[in-house]
Amino acid sequence: MTKKKTRKKAKNKWSASVTQRSDALDLENSVFKRTTPKQIAASLKRSADRSKRRKGAPYQSAMSMLNFYINRAGRNLPASRKKVLNRAKDELRALYGRE
């Protein structure tokens, strides 16, 4: 007979710890809960420009963190929220002159 191994459910999700302790950049509190795409993009830009821990260019780090958040939220992200976050990508591109 084979025993099935059961895993204990983690208290915190690994994706939450990534956004808090990532080497990509030091994020401001509740950056992804902001209401407008401009606010989100501006906060990510500030964080990316100031961060000493990022590995890549500021634009790359900011966009990477935004994509990570969208991808990790997955099906749990309401369509309206996903729309705001995707618009934040466009705002971020504009802030860095990458249109």
PDB file of N, CA and C in Angstrom:
ATOM      1  N   MET A   1       0.829  -1.184   0.000  1.00  0.00           N
ATOM      2  CA  MET A   1       0.000   0.000   0.000  1.00  0.00           C
ATOM      3  C   MET A   1       0.875   1.249   0.000  1.00  0.00           C
ATOM      4  N   THR A   2       0.420   2.219  -0.722  1.00  0.00           N
ATOM      5  CA  THR A   2       1.167   3.470  -0.751  1.00  0.00           C
ATOM      6  C   THR A   2       0.427   4.518   0.069  1.00  0.00           C
ATOM      7  N   LYS A   3       1.223   5.304   0.757  1.00  0.00           N
ATOM      8  CA  LYS A   3       0.642   6.381   1.550  1.00  0.00           C
ATOM      9  C   LYS A   3       0.684   7.665   0.742  1.00  0.00           C
ATOM     10  N   LYS A   4      -0.371   8.398   0.832  1.00  0.00           N
ATOM     11  CA  LYS A   4      -0.376   9.704   0.189  1.00  0.00           C
ATOM     12  C   LYS A   4       0.165  10.716   1.183  1.00  0.00           C
ATOM     13  N   LYS A   5       1.071  11.506   0.702  1.00  0.00           N
ATOM     14  CA  LYS A   5       1.613  12.551   1.552  1.00  0.00           C
ATOM     15  C   LYS A   5       0.707  13.771   1.457  1.00  0.00           C
ATOM     16  N   THR A   6       0.422  14.340   2.583  1.00  0.00           N
ATOM     17  CA  THR A   6      -0.389  15.554   2.579  1.00  0.00           C
ATOM     18  C   THR A   6       0.481  16.721   3.013  1.00  0.00           C
ATOM     19  N   ARG A   7       0.247  17.804   2.382  1.00  0.00           N
ATOM     20  CA  ARG A   7       0.994  19.011   2.715  1.00  0.00           C
ATOM     21  C   ARG A   7       0.154  19.879   3.626  1.00  0.00           C
ATOM     22  N   LYS A   8       0.830  20.520   4.542  1.00  0.00           N
ATOM     23  CA  LYS A   8       0.138  21.492   5.372  1.00  0.00           C
ATOM     24  C   LYS A   8       0.011  22.774   4.568  1.00  0.00           C
ATOM     25  N   LYS A   9      -1.126  23.405   4.701  1.00  0.00           N
ATOM     26  CA  LYS A   9      -1.345  24.646   3.973  1.00  0.00           C
ATOM     27  C   LYS A   9      -0.487  25.753   4.593  1.00  0.00           C
ATOM     28  N   ALA A  10       0.214  26.460   3.741  1.00  0.00           N
ATOM     29  CA  ALA A  10       1.074  27.536   4.207  1.00  0.00           C
ATOM     30  C   ALA A  10       0.224  28.689   4.736  1.00  0.00           C
ATOM     31  N   LYS A  11       0.728  29.352   5.763  1.00  0.00           N
ATOM     32  CA  LYS A  11       0.003  30.487   6.323  1.00  0.00           C
ATOM     33  C   LYS A  11      -0.062  31.630   5.315  1.00  0.00           C
ATOM     34  N   ASN A  12       1.041  31.904   4.675  1.00  0.00           N
ATOM     35  CA  ASN A  12       1.096  32.984   3.695  1.00  0.00           C
ATOM     36  C   ASN A  12       1.374  32.404   2.324  1.00  0.00           C
ATOM     37  N   LYS A  13       0.868  33.050   1.336  1.00  0.00           N
ATOM     38  CA  LYS A  13       1.132  32.594  -0.024  1.00  0.00           C
ATOM     39  C   LYS A  13       2.533  33.021  -0.435  1.00  0.00           C
ATOM     40  N   TRP A  14       3.193  32.201  -1.212  1.00  0.00           N
ATOM     41  CA  TRP A  14       4.566  32.507  -1.614  1.00  0.00           C
ATOM     42  C   TRP A  14       4.614  33.764  -2.466  1.00  0.00           C
ATOM     43  N   SER A  15       3.558  34.017  -3.230  1.00  0.00           N
ATOM     44  CA  SER A  15       3.567  35.202  -4.082  1.00  0.00           C
ATOM     45  C   SER A  15       3.530  36.489  -3.260  1.00  0.00           C
ATOM     46  N   ALA A  16       2.884  36.450  -2.103  1.00  0.00           N
ATOM     47  CA  ALA A  16       2.865  37.624  -1.231  1.00  0.00           C
ATOM     48  C   ALA A  16       4.261  37.914  -0.697  1.00  0.00           C
ATOM     49  N   SER A  17       4.978  36.851  -0.360  1.00  0.00           N
ATOM     50  CA  SER A  17       6.332  37.069   0.149  1.00  0.00           C
ATOM     51  C   SER A  17       7.265  37.568  -0.950  1.00  0.00           C
ATOM     52  N   VAL A  18       7.006  37.179  -2.185  1.00  0.00           N
ATOM     53  CA  VAL A  18       7.822  37.661  -3.300  1.00  0.00           C
ATOM     54  C   VAL A  18       7.648  39.163  -3.467  1.00  0.00           C
ATOM     55  N   THR A  19       6.401  39.634  -3.412  1.00  0.00           N
ATOM     56  CA  THR A  19       6.184  41.069  -3.603  1.00  0.00           C
ATOM     57  C   THR A  19       6.751  41.876  -2.444  1.00  0.00           C
ATOM     58  N   GLN A  20       6.848  41.264  -1.263  1.00  0.00           N
ATOM     59  CA  GLN A  20       7.393  41.979  -0.106  1.00  0.00           C
ATOM     60  C   GLN A  20       8.909  41.940  -0.058  1.00  0.00           C
ATOM     61  N   ARG A  21       9.503  40.807  -0.426  1.00  0.00           N
ATOM     62  CA  ARG A  21      10.948  40.641  -0.247  1.00  0.00           C
ATOM     63  C   ARG A  21      11.731  40.492  -1.543  1.00  0.00           C
ATOM     64  N   SER A  22      11.107  40.788  -2.648  1.00  0.00           N
ATOM     65  CA  SER A  22      11.740  40.585  -3.944  1.00  0.00           C
ATOM     66  C   SER A  22      12.963  41.469  -4.138  1.00  0.00           C
ATOM     67  N   ASP A  23      13.928  40.939  -4.881  1.00  0.00           N
ATOM     68  CA  ASP A  23      15.083  41.745  -5.250  1.00  0.00           C
ATOM     69  C   ASP A  23      14.772  42.630  -6.454  1.00  0.00           C
ATOM     70  N   ALA A  24      13.599  42.463  -7.020  1.00  0.00           N
ATOM     71  CA  ALA A  24      13.247  43.285  -8.177  1.00  0.00           C
ATOM     72  C   ALA A  24      13.161  44.754  -7.777  1.00  0.00           C
ATOM     73  N   LEU A  25      12.439  45.050  -6.711  1.00  0.00           N
ATOM     74  CA  LEU A  25      12.380  46.417  -6.204  1.00  0.00           C
ATOM     75  C   LEU A  25      11.633  46.481  -4.880  1.00  0.00           C
ATOM     76  N   ASP A  26      11.825  47.592  -4.186  1.00  0.00           N
ATOM     77  CA  ASP A  26      11.145  47.845  -2.921  1.00  0.00           C
ATOM     78  C   ASP A  26       9.846  48.591  -3.234  1.00  0.00           C
ATOM     79  N   LEU A  27       8.725  47.904  -3.053  1.00  0.00           N
ATOM     80  CA  LEU A  27       7.435  48.494  -3.402  1.00  0.00           C
ATOM     81  C   LEU A  27       6.871  49.343  -2.274  1.00  0.00           C
ATOM     82  N   GLU A  28       6.105  50.351  -2.658  1.00  0.00           N
ATOM     83  CA  GLU A  28       5.353  51.126  -1.681  1.00  0.00           C
ATOM     84  C   GLU A  28       4.175  50.279  -1.208  1.00  0.00           C
ATOM     85  N   ASN A  29       3.653  50.574  -0.036  1.00  0.00           N
ATOM     86  CA  ASN A  29       2.526  49.806   0.503  1.00  0.00           C
ATOM     87  C   ASN A  29       1.289  49.936  -0.371  1.00  0.00           C
ATOM     88  N   SER A  30       0.599  48.833  -0.568  1.00  0.00           N
ATOM     89  CA  SER A  30      -0.675  48.768  -1.292  1.00  0.00           C
ATOM     90  C   SER A  30      -0.627  49.392  -2.677  1.00  0.00           C
ATOM     91  N   VAL A  31       0.478  49.248  -3.353  1.00  0.00           N
ATOM     92  CA  VAL A  31       0.621  49.859  -4.678  1.00  0.00           C
ATOM     93  C   VAL A  31      -0.397  49.287  -5.667  1.00  0.00           C
ATOM     94  N   PHE A  32      -0.688  48.001  -5.585  1.00  0.00           N
ATOM     95  CA  PHE A  32      -1.592  47.390  -6.556  1.00  0.00           C
ATOM     96  C   PHE A  32      -3.056  47.587  -6.196  1.00  0.00           C
ATOM     97  N   LYS A  33      -3.333  48.199  -5.068  1.00  0.00           N
ATOM     98  CA  LYS A  33      -4.711  48.483  -4.670  1.00  0.00           C
ATOM     99  C   LYS A  33      -5.118  49.912  -5.006  1.00  0.00           C
ATOM    100  N   ARG A  34      -4.220  50.664  -5.576  1.00  0.00           N
ATOM    101  CA  ARG A  34      -4.544  52.046  -5.956  1.00  0.00           C
ATOM    102  C   ARG A  34      -5.632  52.031  -7.027  1.00  0.00           C
ATOM    103  N   THR A  35      -6.338  53.151  -7.148  1.00  0.00           N
ATOM    104  CA  THR A  35      -7.541  53.155  -7.981  1.00  0.00           C
ATOM    105  C   THR A  35      -7.314  53.474  -9.451  1.00  0.00           C
ATOM    106  N   THR A  36      -6.308  54.272  -9.770  1.00  0.00           N
ATOM    107  CA  THR A  36      -6.126  54.644 -11.180  1.00  0.00           C
ATOM    108  C   THR A  36      -4.824  54.056 -11.728  1.00  0.00           C
ATOM    109  N   PRO A  37      -4.799  53.787 -13.027  1.00  0.00           N
ATOM    110  CA  PRO A  37      -3.576  53.281 -13.654  1.00  0.00           C
ATOM    111  C   PRO A  37      -2.396  54.236 -13.500  1.00  0.00           C
ATOM    112  N   LYS A  38      -2.671  55.548 -13.540  1.00  0.00           N
ATOM    113  CA  LYS A  38      -1.599  56.537 -13.389  1.00  0.00           C
ATOM    114  C   LYS A  38      -0.939  56.445 -12.025  1.00  0.00           C
ATOM    115  N   GLN A  39      -1.753  56.270 -10.970  1.00  0.00           N
ATOM    116  CA  GLN A  39      -1.221  56.155  -9.612  1.00  0.00           C
ATOM    117  C   GLN A  39      -0.342  54.916  -9.477  1.00  0.00           C
ATOM    118  N   ILE A  40      -0.806  53.807 -10.032  1.00  0.00           N
ATOM    119  CA  ILE A  40      -0.056  52.547  -9.956  1.00  0.00           C
ATOM    120  C   ILE A  40       1.270  52.680 -10.702  1.00  0.00           C
ATOM    121  N   ALA A  41       1.204  53.202 -11.934  1.00  0.00           N
ATOM    122  CA  ALA A  41       2.410  53.345 -12.744  1.00  0.00           C
ATOM    123  C   ALA A  41       3.408  54.307 -12.105  1.00  0.00           C
ATOM    124  N   ALA A  42       2.915  55.421 -11.567  1.00  0.00           N
ATOM    125  CA  ALA A  42       3.807  56.397 -10.939  1.00  0.00           C
ATOM    126  C   ALA A  42       4.492  55.805  -9.714  1.00  0.00           C
ATOM    127  N   SER A  43       3.748  55.034  -8.939  1.00  0.00           N
ATOM    128  CA  SER A  43       4.323  54.406  -7.753  1.00  0.00           C
ATOM    129  C   SER A  43       5.383  53.375  -8.138  1.00  0.00           C
ATOM    130  N   LEU A  44       5.096  52.564  -9.148  1.00  0.00           N
ATOM    131  CA  LEU A  44       6.073  51.576  -9.614  1.00  0.00           C
ATOM    132  C   LEU A  44       7.330  52.255 -10.152  1.00  0.00           C
ATOM    133  N   LYS A  45       7.143  53.360 -10.865  1.00  0.00           N
ATOM    134  CA  LYS A  45       8.297  54.098 -11.399  1.00  0.00           C
ATOM    135  C   LYS A  45       9.154  54.653 -10.270  1.00  0.00           C
ATOM    136  N   ARG A  46       8.503  55.265  -9.278  1.00  0.00           N
ATOM    137  CA  ARG A  46       9.249  55.783  -8.117  1.00  0.00           C
ATOM    138  C   ARG A  46      10.026  54.671  -7.431  1.00  0.00           C
ATOM    139  N   SER A  47       9.355  53.547  -7.213  1.00  0.00           N
ATOM    140  CA  SER A  47      10.004  52.423  -6.538  1.00  0.00           C
ATOM    141  C   SER A  47      11.179  51.887  -7.347  1.00  0.00           C
ATOM    142  N   ALA A  48      10.991  51.753  -8.646  1.00  0.00           N
ATOM    143  CA  ALA A  48      12.049  51.208  -9.504  1.00  0.00           C
ATOM    144  C   ALA A  48      13.241  52.154  -9.586  1.00  0.00           C
ATOM    145  N   ASP A  49      12.962  53.452  -9.668  1.00  0.00           N
ATOM    146  CA  ASP A  49      14.050  54.422  -9.772  1.00  0.00           C
ATOM    147  C   ASP A  49      14.850  54.530  -8.477  1.00  0.00           C
ATOM    148  N   ARG A  50      14.197  54.368  -7.342  1.00  0.00           N
ATOM    149  CA  ARG A  50      14.863  54.495  -6.043  1.00  0.00           C
ATOM    150  C   ARG A  50      15.538  53.221  -5.561  1.00  0.00           C
ATOM    151  N   SER A  51      15.045  52.073  -6.000  1.00  0.00           N
ATOM    152  CA  SER A  51      15.496  50.795  -5.451  1.00  0.00           C
ATOM    153  C   SER A  51      16.970  50.528  -5.726  1.00  0.00           C
ATOM    154  N   LYS A  52      17.657  50.094  -4.701  1.00  0.00           N
ATOM    155  CA  LYS A  52      19.066  49.706  -4.826  1.00  0.00           C
ATOM    156  C   LYS A  52      19.207  48.196  -5.005  1.00  0.00           C
ATOM    157  N   ARG A  53      18.088  47.469  -4.834  1.00  0.00           N
ATOM    158  CA  ARG A  53      18.151  46.012  -4.877  1.00  0.00           C
ATOM    159  C   ARG A  53      17.806  45.421  -6.243  1.00  0.00           C
ATOM    160  N   ARG A  54      17.367  46.232  -7.165  1.00  0.00           N
ATOM    161  CA  ARG A  54      16.933  45.667  -8.444  1.00  0.00           C
ATOM    162  C   ARG A  54      18.123  45.144  -9.249  1.00  0.00           C
ATOM    163  N   LYS A  55      17.828  44.128 -10.052  1.00  0.00           N
ATOM    164  CA  LYS A  55      18.888  43.513 -10.859  1.00  0.00           C
ATOM    165  C   LYS A  55      18.964  44.113 -12.259  1.00  0.00           C
ATOM    166  N   GLY A  56      17.811  44.448 -12.814  1.00  0.00           N
ATOM    167  CA  GLY A  56      17.782  44.966 -14.176  1.00  0.00           C
ATOM    168  C   GLY A  56      17.599  46.472 -14.204  1.00  0.00           C
ATOM    169  N   ALA A  57      17.200  46.958 -15.357  1.00  0.00           N
ATOM    170  CA  ALA A  57      16.912  48.378 -15.530  1.00  0.00           C
ATOM    171  C   ALA A  57      15.625  48.719 -14.775  1.00  0.00           C
ATOM    172  N   PRO A  58      15.441  49.986 -14.415  1.00  0.00           N
ATOM    173  CA  PRO A  58      14.229  50.369 -13.678  1.00  0.00           C
ATOM    174  C   PRO A  58      12.936  49.993 -14.408  1.00  0.00           C
ATOM    175  N   TYR A  59      12.877  50.261 -15.712  1.00  0.00           N
ATOM    176  CA  TYR A  59      11.671  49.926 -16.482  1.00  0.00           C
ATOM    177  C   TYR A  59      11.399  48.424 -16.431  1.00  0.00           C
ATOM    178  N   GLN A  60      12.431  47.646 -16.624  1.00  0.00           N
ATOM    179  CA  GLN A  60      12.295  46.187 -16.624  1.00  0.00           C
ATOM    180  C   GLN A  60      11.791  45.689 -15.274  1.00  0.00           C
ATOM    181  N   SER A  61      12.319  46.212 -14.198  1.00  0.00           N
ATOM    182  CA  SER A  61      11.914  45.781 -12.862  1.00  0.00           C
ATOM    183  C   SER A  61      10.469  46.164 -12.558  1.00  0.00           C
ATOM    184  N   ALA A  62      10.085  47.380 -12.927  1.00  0.00           N
ATOM    185  CA  ALA A  62       8.723  47.843 -12.664  1.00  0.00           C
ATOM    186  C   ALA A  62       7.705  47.021 -13.458  1.00  0.00           C
ATOM    187  N   MET A  63       7.971  46.820 -14.733  1.00  0.00           N
ATOM    188  CA  MET A  63       7.052  46.055 -15.576  1.00  0.00           C
ATOM    189  C   MET A  63       6.992  44.597 -15.125  1.00  0.00           C
ATOM    190  N   SER A  64       8.118  44.073 -14.727  1.00  0.00           N
ATOM    191  CA  SER A  64       8.186  42.696 -14.260  1.00  0.00           C
ATOM    192  C   SER A  64       7.323  42.489 -13.016  1.00  0.00           C
ATOM    193  N   MET A  65       7.391  43.420 -12.085  1.00  0.00           N
ATOM    194  CA  MET A  65       6.598  43.302 -10.862  1.00  0.00           C
ATOM    195  C   MET A  65       5.109  43.434 -11.155  1.00  0.00           C
ATOM    196  N   LEU A  66       4.745  44.305 -12.059  1.00  0.00           N
ATOM    197  CA  LEU A  66       3.345  44.461 -12.442  1.00  0.00           C
ATOM    198  C   LEU A  66       2.824  43.193 -13.112  1.00  0.00           C
ATOM    199  N   ASN A  67       3.587  42.644 -14.037  1.00  0.00           N
ATOM    200  CA  ASN A  67       3.190  41.388 -14.687  1.00  0.00           C
ATOM    201  C   ASN A  67       3.103  40.240 -13.693  1.00  0.00           C
ATOM    202  N   PHE A  68       4.041  40.186 -12.765  1.00  0.00           N
ATOM    203  CA  PHE A  68       4.031  39.141 -11.743  1.00  0.00           C
ATOM    204  C   PHE A  68       2.732  39.210 -10.948  1.00  0.00           C
ATOM    205  N   TYR A  69       2.352  40.405 -10.529  1.00  0.00           N
ATOM    206  CA  TYR A  69       1.133  40.565  -9.739  1.00  0.00           C
ATOM    207  C   TYR A  69      -0.092  40.124 -10.542  1.00  0.00           C
ATOM    208  N   ILE A  70      -0.182  40.534 -11.791  1.00  0.00           N
ATOM    209  CA  ILE A  70      -1.330  40.163 -12.634  1.00  0.00           C
ATOM    210  C   ILE A  70      -1.380  38.651 -12.833  1.00  0.00           C
ATOM    211  N   ASN A  71      -0.238  38.056 -13.124  1.00  0.00           N
ATOM    212  CA  ASN A  71      -0.198  36.613 -13.380  1.00  0.00           C
ATOM    213  C   ASN A  71      -0.511  35.796 -12.132  1.00  0.00           C
ATOM    214  N   ARG A  72      -0.025  36.209 -10.996  1.00  0.00           N
ATOM    215  CA  ARG A  72      -0.256  35.469  -9.756  1.00  0.00           C
ATOM    216  C   ARG A  72      -1.692  35.588  -9.289  1.00  0.00           C
ATOM    217  N   ALA A  73      -2.353  36.703  -9.542  1.00  0.00           N
ATOM    218  CA  ALA A  73      -3.736  36.878  -9.114  1.00  0.00           C
ATOM    219  C   ALA A  73      -4.658  35.964  -9.914  1.00  0.00           C
ATOM    220  N   GLY A  74      -4.326  35.766 -11.169  1.00  0.00           N
ATOM    221  CA  GLY A  74      -5.041  34.814 -12.015  1.00  0.00           C
ATOM    222  C   GLY A  74      -6.544  34.986 -12.050  1.00  0.00           C
ATOM    223  N   ARG A  75      -7.247  33.884 -11.831  1.00  0.00           N
ATOM    224  CA  ARG A  75      -8.708  33.892 -11.907  1.00  0.00           C
ATOM    225  C   ARG A  75      -9.346  34.698 -10.785  1.00  0.00           C
ATOM    226  N   ASN A  76      -8.631  34.911  -9.713  1.00  0.00           N
ATOM    227  CA  ASN A  76      -9.197  35.642  -8.575  1.00  0.00           C
ATOM    228  C   ASN A  76      -9.257  37.138  -8.798  1.00  0.00           C
ATOM    229  N   LEU A  77      -8.674  37.609  -9.877  1.00  0.00           N
ATOM    230  CA  LEU A  77      -8.646  39.040 -10.171  1.00  0.00           C
ATOM    231  C   LEU A  77      -9.897  39.408 -10.979  1.00  0.00           C
ATOM    232  N   PRO A  78     -10.748  40.298 -10.450  1.00  0.00           N
ATOM    233  CA  PRO A  78     -11.940  40.709 -11.201  1.00  0.00           C
ATOM    234  C   PRO A  78     -11.552  41.389 -12.515  1.00  0.00           C
ATOM    235  N   ALA A  79     -12.409  41.300 -13.484  1.00  0.00           N
ATOM    236  CA  ALA A  79     -12.136  41.869 -14.808  1.00  0.00           C
ATOM    237  C   ALA A  79     -11.885  43.368 -14.733  1.00  0.00           C
ATOM    238  N   SER A  80     -12.629  44.059 -13.897  1.00  0.00           N
ATOM    239  CA  SER A  80     -12.451  45.512 -13.785  1.00  0.00           C
ATOM    240  C   SER A  80     -11.067  45.845 -13.225  1.00  0.00           C
ATOM    241  N   ARG A  81     -10.608  45.057 -12.276  1.00  0.00           N
ATOM    242  CA  ARG A  81      -9.294  45.295 -11.673  1.00  0.00           C
ATOM    243  C   ARG A  81      -8.185  44.967 -12.669  1.00  0.00           C
ATOM    244  N   LYS A  82      -8.386  43.886 -13.416  1.00  0.00           N
ATOM    245  CA  LYS A  82      -7.394  43.490 -14.424  1.00  0.00           C
ATOM    246  C   LYS A  82      -7.266  44.567 -15.499  1.00  0.00           C
ATOM    247  N   LYS A  83      -8.395  45.188 -15.835  1.00  0.00           N
ATOM    248  CA  LYS A  83      -8.385  46.257 -16.834  1.00  0.00           C
ATOM    249  C   LYS A  83      -7.547  47.441 -16.335  1.00  0.00           C
ATOM    250  N   VAL A  84      -7.718  47.806 -15.068  1.00  0.00           N
ATOM    251  CA  VAL A  84      -6.952  48.912 -14.482  1.00  0.00           C
ATOM    252  C   VAL A  84      -5.464  48.577 -14.488  1.00  0.00           C
ATOM    253  N   LEU A  85      -5.118  47.350 -14.106  1.00  0.00           N
ATOM    254  CA  LEU A  85      -3.707  46.954 -14.054  1.00  0.00           C
ATOM    255  C   LEU A  85      -3.083  46.895 -15.450  1.00  0.00           C
ATOM    256  N   ASN A  86      -3.847  46.446 -16.436  1.00  0.00           N
ATOM    257  CA  ASN A  86      -3.321  46.426 -17.806  1.00  0.00           C
ATOM    258  C   ASN A  86      -3.147  47.833 -18.357  1.00  0.00           C
ATOM    259  N   ARG A  87      -4.010  48.746 -17.965  1.00  0.00           N
ATOM    260  CA  ARG A  87      -3.841  50.144 -18.369  1.00  0.00           C
ATOM    261  C   ARG A  87      -2.615  50.758 -17.687  1.00  0.00           C
ATOM    262  N   ALA A  88      -2.325  50.262 -16.488  1.00  0.00           N
ATOM    263  CA  ALA A  88      -1.134  50.736 -15.774  1.00  0.00           C
ATOM    264  C   ALA A  88       0.133  50.373 -16.552  1.00  0.00           C
ATOM    265  N   LYS A  89       0.098  49.265 -17.275  1.00  0.00           N
ATOM    266  CA  LYS A  89       1.243  48.898 -18.129  1.00  0.00           C
ATOM    267  C   LYS A  89       1.479  49.974 -19.187  1.00  0.00           C
ATOM    268  N   ASP A  90       0.375  50.413 -19.810  1.00  0.00           N
ATOM    269  CA  ASP A  90       0.493  51.461 -20.831  1.00  0.00           C
ATOM    270  C   ASP A  90       1.022  52.755 -20.226  1.00  0.00           C
ATOM    271  N   GLU A  91       0.535  53.098 -19.051  1.00  0.00           N
ATOM    272  CA  GLU A  91       1.010  54.308 -18.360  1.00  0.00           C
ATOM    273  C   GLU A  91       2.492  54.191 -18.024  1.00  0.00           C
ATOM    274  N   LEU A  92       2.907  53.017 -17.599  1.00  0.00           N
ATOM    275  CA  LEU A  92       4.312  52.791 -17.253  1.00  0.00           C
ATOM    276  C   LEU A  92       5.199  52.924 -18.488  1.00  0.00           C
ATOM    277  N   ARG A  93       4.731  52.384 -19.605  1.00  0.00           N
ATOM    278  CA  ARG A  93       5.484  52.531 -20.860  1.00  0.00           C
ATOM    279  C   ARG A  93       5.631  54.005 -21.221  1.00  0.00           C
ATOM    280  N   ALA A  94       4.543  54.754 -21.041  1.00  0.00           N
ATOM    281  CA  ALA A  94       4.566  56.192 -21.368  1.00  0.00           C
ATOM    282  C   ALA A  94       5.535  56.946 -20.439  1.00  0.00           C
ATOM    283  N   LEU A  95       5.525  56.606 -19.160  1.00  0.00           N
ATOM    284  CA  LEU A  95       6.422  57.271 -18.217  1.00  0.00           C
ATOM    285  C   LEU A  95       7.892  57.049 -18.546  1.00  0.00           C
ATOM    286  N   TYR A  96       8.182  55.894 -19.089  1.00  0.00           N
ATOM    287  CA  TYR A  96       9.570  55.579 -19.458  1.00  0.00           C
ATOM    288  C   TYR A  96       9.858  55.874 -20.926  1.00  0.00           C
ATOM    289  N   GLY A  97       8.883  56.440 -21.637  1.00  0.00           N
ATOM    290  CA  GLY A  97       9.100  56.787 -23.043  1.00  0.00           C
ATOM    291  C   GLY A  97       9.252  55.578 -23.935  1.00  0.00           C
ATOM    292  N   ARG A  98       8.514  54.531 -23.658  1.00  0.00           N
ATOM    293  CA  ARG A  98       8.628  53.283 -24.420  1.00  0.00           C
ATOM    294  C   ARG A  98       7.371  52.965 -25.216  1.00  0.00           C
ATOM    295  N   GLU A  99       6.656  53.961 -25.655  1.00  0.00           N
ATOM    296  CA  GLU A  99       5.390  53.705 -26.365  1.00  0.00           C
ATOM    297  C   GLU A  99       5.611  53.158 -27.714  1.00  0.00           C
TER     298      GLU A  99
END
